Protein backbone atom coordinates (compact mmCIF):
# COMPACT_ATOMS: atom_id res chain seq x y z
CA MET A 1 -63.05 65.50 23.55
CA ILE A 2 -62.63 62.01 22.36
CA ARG A 3 -63.43 63.28 18.95
CA GLU A 4 -60.59 65.85 19.13
CA LYS A 5 -58.04 63.37 19.71
CA LYS A 6 -57.19 62.28 16.38
CA ASN A 7 -54.79 59.11 15.29
CA ILE A 8 -51.93 60.85 13.72
CA GLU A 9 -50.64 57.25 12.55
CA PHE A 10 -52.93 56.86 10.40
CA ASP A 11 -53.77 60.09 9.01
CA GLN A 12 -51.75 60.91 5.64
CA SER A 13 -51.80 64.52 4.29
CA LEU A 14 -51.72 64.96 0.72
CA GLU A 15 -48.10 65.76 0.72
CA ASP A 16 -47.54 62.75 2.64
CA ARG A 17 -49.14 60.83 0.08
CA GLU A 18 -47.14 62.19 -2.77
CA GLN A 19 -44.04 61.24 -0.80
CA LEU A 20 -44.99 57.55 -0.50
CA PHE A 21 -43.37 55.25 -3.34
CA SER A 22 -44.99 52.27 -4.24
CA LEU A 23 -44.50 49.49 -7.11
CA ARG A 24 -47.91 50.35 -8.77
CA ASP A 25 -46.86 54.16 -8.73
CA LEU A 26 -43.40 53.17 -10.70
CA ILE A 27 -45.00 50.83 -13.17
CA ASN A 28 -48.09 53.30 -13.89
CA GLY A 29 -45.18 55.89 -14.41
CA ASN A 30 -46.70 58.12 -11.79
CA VAL A 31 -43.38 58.65 -10.12
CA LEU A 32 -42.15 60.66 -12.83
CA THR A 33 -44.92 63.53 -12.53
CA ARG A 34 -43.86 63.86 -8.91
CA LYS A 35 -42.34 67.26 -8.02
CA ALA A 36 -39.25 65.78 -6.58
CA VAL A 37 -38.42 63.72 -9.69
CA LEU A 38 -39.31 66.94 -12.28
CA ARG A 39 -36.83 69.02 -10.13
CA GLN A 40 -34.01 66.48 -10.29
CA SER A 41 -34.75 65.95 -14.21
CA LYS A 42 -31.54 67.37 -15.19
CA PHE A 43 -29.36 65.61 -12.72
CA ILE A 44 -31.03 62.23 -13.97
CA LEU A 45 -30.75 62.98 -17.40
CA LEU A 46 -26.74 63.60 -16.58
CA LEU A 47 -26.45 60.08 -14.92
CA VAL A 48 -28.04 58.69 -17.94
CA LEU A 49 -25.55 60.38 -20.50
CA ILE A 50 -22.82 59.38 -18.11
CA ALA A 51 -24.25 55.75 -18.18
CA PHE A 52 -24.09 55.71 -22.24
CA VAL A 53 -20.97 56.96 -22.14
CA PHE A 54 -19.77 54.39 -20.14
CA ILE A 55 -21.10 51.90 -21.97
CA ALA A 56 -20.11 52.87 -25.35
CA ASN A 57 -16.40 53.28 -23.77
CA ARG A 58 -16.53 49.81 -22.32
CA ASN A 59 -17.69 48.50 -26.17
CA HIS A 60 -14.92 50.47 -27.87
CA ALA A 61 -12.15 48.88 -25.07
CA GLU A 62 -13.64 45.31 -25.71
CA LYS A 63 -13.11 45.80 -29.49
CA THR A 64 -9.82 47.38 -29.37
CA VAL A 65 -8.54 44.43 -27.21
CA ILE A 66 -9.86 41.96 -29.70
CA ARG A 67 -8.21 43.78 -32.25
CA LEU A 68 -5.03 43.83 -30.43
CA ASN A 69 -5.30 40.22 -30.04
CA GLY A 70 -5.70 39.42 -33.71
CA LEU A 71 -2.91 41.78 -34.45
CA GLN A 72 -0.78 39.92 -31.96
CA SER A 73 -1.31 36.48 -33.33
CA ASP A 74 -0.70 37.95 -36.97
CA VAL A 75 2.78 39.57 -35.67
CA LYS A 76 3.80 35.86 -34.23
CA GLU A 77 3.00 34.38 -37.61
CA LEU A 78 4.78 37.06 -39.48
CA ARG A 79 8.06 36.41 -37.15
CA ALA A 80 7.91 33.00 -37.57
CA LYS A 81 7.71 33.25 -41.64
CA SER A 82 10.52 35.71 -41.51
CA ILE A 83 12.94 33.70 -39.30
CA THR A 84 12.13 30.64 -41.99
CA ILE A 85 13.22 32.99 -44.91
CA SER A 86 15.87 34.41 -43.35
CA SER A 87 17.54 31.17 -42.60
CA ASP A 88 16.61 29.78 -46.36
CA LEU A 89 18.28 32.93 -47.55
CA VAL A 90 21.52 32.23 -45.35
CA ARG A 91 21.50 28.85 -46.53
CA VAL A 92 20.98 29.71 -50.55
CA SER A 93 23.77 32.49 -50.08
CA ARG A 94 26.68 30.09 -49.17
CA GLN A 95 29.36 29.75 -51.18
CA SER A 96 29.23 26.07 -51.63
CA GLU A 97 25.47 26.38 -52.29
CA VAL A 98 26.04 28.97 -55.00
CA VAL A 99 28.55 26.59 -56.91
CA ARG A 100 25.97 23.77 -56.73
CA LEU A 101 23.26 25.80 -58.30
CA VAL A 102 25.74 27.31 -60.89
CA GLU A 103 26.64 23.69 -62.13
CA GLY A 104 22.66 22.76 -61.87
CA TYR A 105 22.00 25.36 -64.22
CA ASN A 106 24.73 24.49 -66.84
CA LEU A 107 25.80 28.35 -67.14
CA GLY A 108 29.44 27.55 -67.70
CA LEU A 109 30.61 29.65 -64.89
CA GLU A 110 33.93 28.34 -62.61
CA GLU A 111 34.90 28.69 -59.59
CA ASN A 112 37.93 30.84 -58.97
CA LEU A 113 40.38 29.06 -57.02
CA GLU A 114 43.11 32.14 -56.98
CA PRO A 115 42.52 34.86 -54.01
CA PRO A 116 41.83 38.10 -55.23
CA LYS A 117 44.90 40.55 -56.26
CA LYS A 118 44.78 43.91 -55.22
CA LEU A 119 45.70 46.59 -57.76
CA THR A 120 47.67 49.46 -57.11
CA GLU A 121 47.89 52.55 -59.27
CA THR A 122 51.91 53.76 -59.28
CA PRO A 123 52.47 57.56 -60.14
CA TYR A 124 54.48 58.54 -62.82
């Protein structure tokens, strides 16, 4: 009767051994040949594909943010340049400045001191 009793704690069948997972099996690659992994291979491939898509999306977003920051700095520089050019144009287009420039180039033009007159046509 003593021989009939087996210690089930230490008795592992082939199926139980297949379900155990060890670091050695992972390094050897034996984990990939198990039935459970082979049954789930499509799902695993889907997860890998989704991971690649997420990585690509993040890289694209980072490149877009970097480009956006560069464009914003360019806009700031161009806005400052536009304001400078606009103020120079306003300064140069003043009547006193135009008179000074005409006298400086000796064009022989004179400033009209009389106000303009309105011409009207009289019917016959």
